[in-house]
């Protein structure tokens, strides 16, 4: 593996890790928002 191929591979790995983390974070925030919306809906029915 020459220097350019090694560098390209390192860049690809470095870019792939935050993307996977961002996808997980996005789903977590979506779940938190859905939970908050459901709680607000339930609370509005009981008040």
C-alpha atoms as a PDB file:
ATOM      1  CA  UNK A   1       0.000   0.000   0.000  1.00  0.00           C
ATOM      2  CA  UNK A   2       1.558   3.264  -1.058  1.00  0.00           C
ATOM      3  CA  UNK A   3       1.418   6.528   0.820  1.00  0.00           C
ATOM      4  CA  UNK A   4      -1.584   8.010  -1.025  1.00  0.00           C
ATOM      5  CA  UNK A   5      -3.673   4.863  -0.596  1.00  0.00           C
ATOM      6  CA  UNK A   6      -2.837   4.740   3.108  1.00  0.00           C
ATOM      7  CA  UNK A   7      -3.761   8.402   3.500  1.00  0.00           C
ATOM      8  CA  UNK A   8      -7.025   7.969   1.596  1.00  0.00           C
ATOM      9  CA  UNK A   9      -7.921   4.975   3.756  1.00  0.00           C
ATOM     10  CA  UNK A  10      -7.173   6.898   6.955  1.00  0.00           C
ATOM     11  CA  UNK A  11      -9.338   9.796   5.801  1.00  0.00           C
ATOM     12  CA  UNK A  12     -12.178   7.439   4.882  1.00  0.00           C
ATOM     13  CA  UNK A  13     -12.031   5.752   8.302  1.00  0.00           C
ATOM     14  CA  UNK A  14     -11.878   9.098  10.087  1.00  0.00           C
ATOM     15  CA  UNK A  15     -14.915  10.352   8.161  1.00  0.00           C
ATOM     16  CA  UNK A  16     -16.929   7.165   8.658  1.00  0.00           C
ATOM     17  CA  UNK A  17     -16.769   7.108  12.466  1.00  0.00           C
ATOM     18  CA  UNK A  18     -18.398  10.504  13.186  1.00  0.00           C
ATOM     19  CA  UNK A  19     -21.091   9.772  10.597  1.00  0.00           C
ATOM     20  CA  UNK A  20     -22.124   6.575  12.383  1.00  0.00           C
ATOM     21  CA  UNK A  21     -22.067   8.439  15.691  1.00  0.00           C
ATOM     22  CA  UNK A  22     -24.167  11.261  14.244  1.00  0.00           C
ATOM     23  CA  UNK A  23     -26.764   8.795  12.940  1.00  0.00           C
ATOM     24  CA  UNK A  24     -27.041   7.218  16.383  1.00  0.00           C
ATOM     25  CA  UNK A  25     -27.301  10.649  18.003  1.00  0.00           C
ATOM     26  CA  UNK A  26     -29.972  11.705  15.508  1.00  0.00           C
ATOM     27  CA  UNK A  27     -32.095   8.648  16.300  1.00  0.00           C
ATOM     28  CA  UNK A  28     -31.623   9.234  20.016  1.00  0.00           C
ATOM     29  CA  UNK A  29     -32.788  12.840  19.684  1.00  0.00           C
ATOM     30  CA  UNK A  30     -35.749  11.726  17.569  1.00  0.00           C
ATOM     31  CA  UNK A  31     -36.732   9.195  20.234  1.00  0.00           C
ATOM     32  CA  UNK A  32     -36.388  11.825  22.967  1.00  0.00           C
ATOM     33  CA  UNK A  33     -38.563  14.248  21.005  1.00  0.00           C
ATOM     34  CA  UNK A  34     -41.216  11.597  20.397  1.00  0.00           C
ATOM     35  CA  UNK A  35     -41.210  10.700  24.086  1.00  0.00           C
ATOM     36  CA  UNK A  36     -41.607  14.347  25.082  1.00  0.00           C
ATOM     37  CA  UNK A  37     -44.462  14.785  22.599  1.00  0.00           C
ATOM     38  CA  UNK A  38     -46.257  11.705  23.948  1.00  0.00           C
ATOM     39  CA  UNK A  39     -45.833  12.880  27.535  1.00  0.00           C
ATOM     40  CA  UNK A  40     -47.151  16.329  26.637  1.00  0.00           C
ATOM     41  CA  UNK A  41     -50.156  14.751  24.916  1.00  0.00           C
ATOM     42  CA  UNK A  42     -50.890  12.535  27.899  1.00  0.00           C
ATOM     43  CA  UNK A  43     -50.532  15.427  30.338  1.00  0.00           C
ATOM     44  CA  UNK A  44     -52.869  17.582  28.275  1.00  0.00           C
ATOM     45  CA  UNK A  45     -55.564  14.888  28.535  1.00  0.00           C
ATOM     46  CA  UNK A  46     -55.264  14.616  32.312  1.00  0.00           C
ATOM     47  CA  UNK A  47     -55.331  18.363  33.016  1.00  0.00           C
END
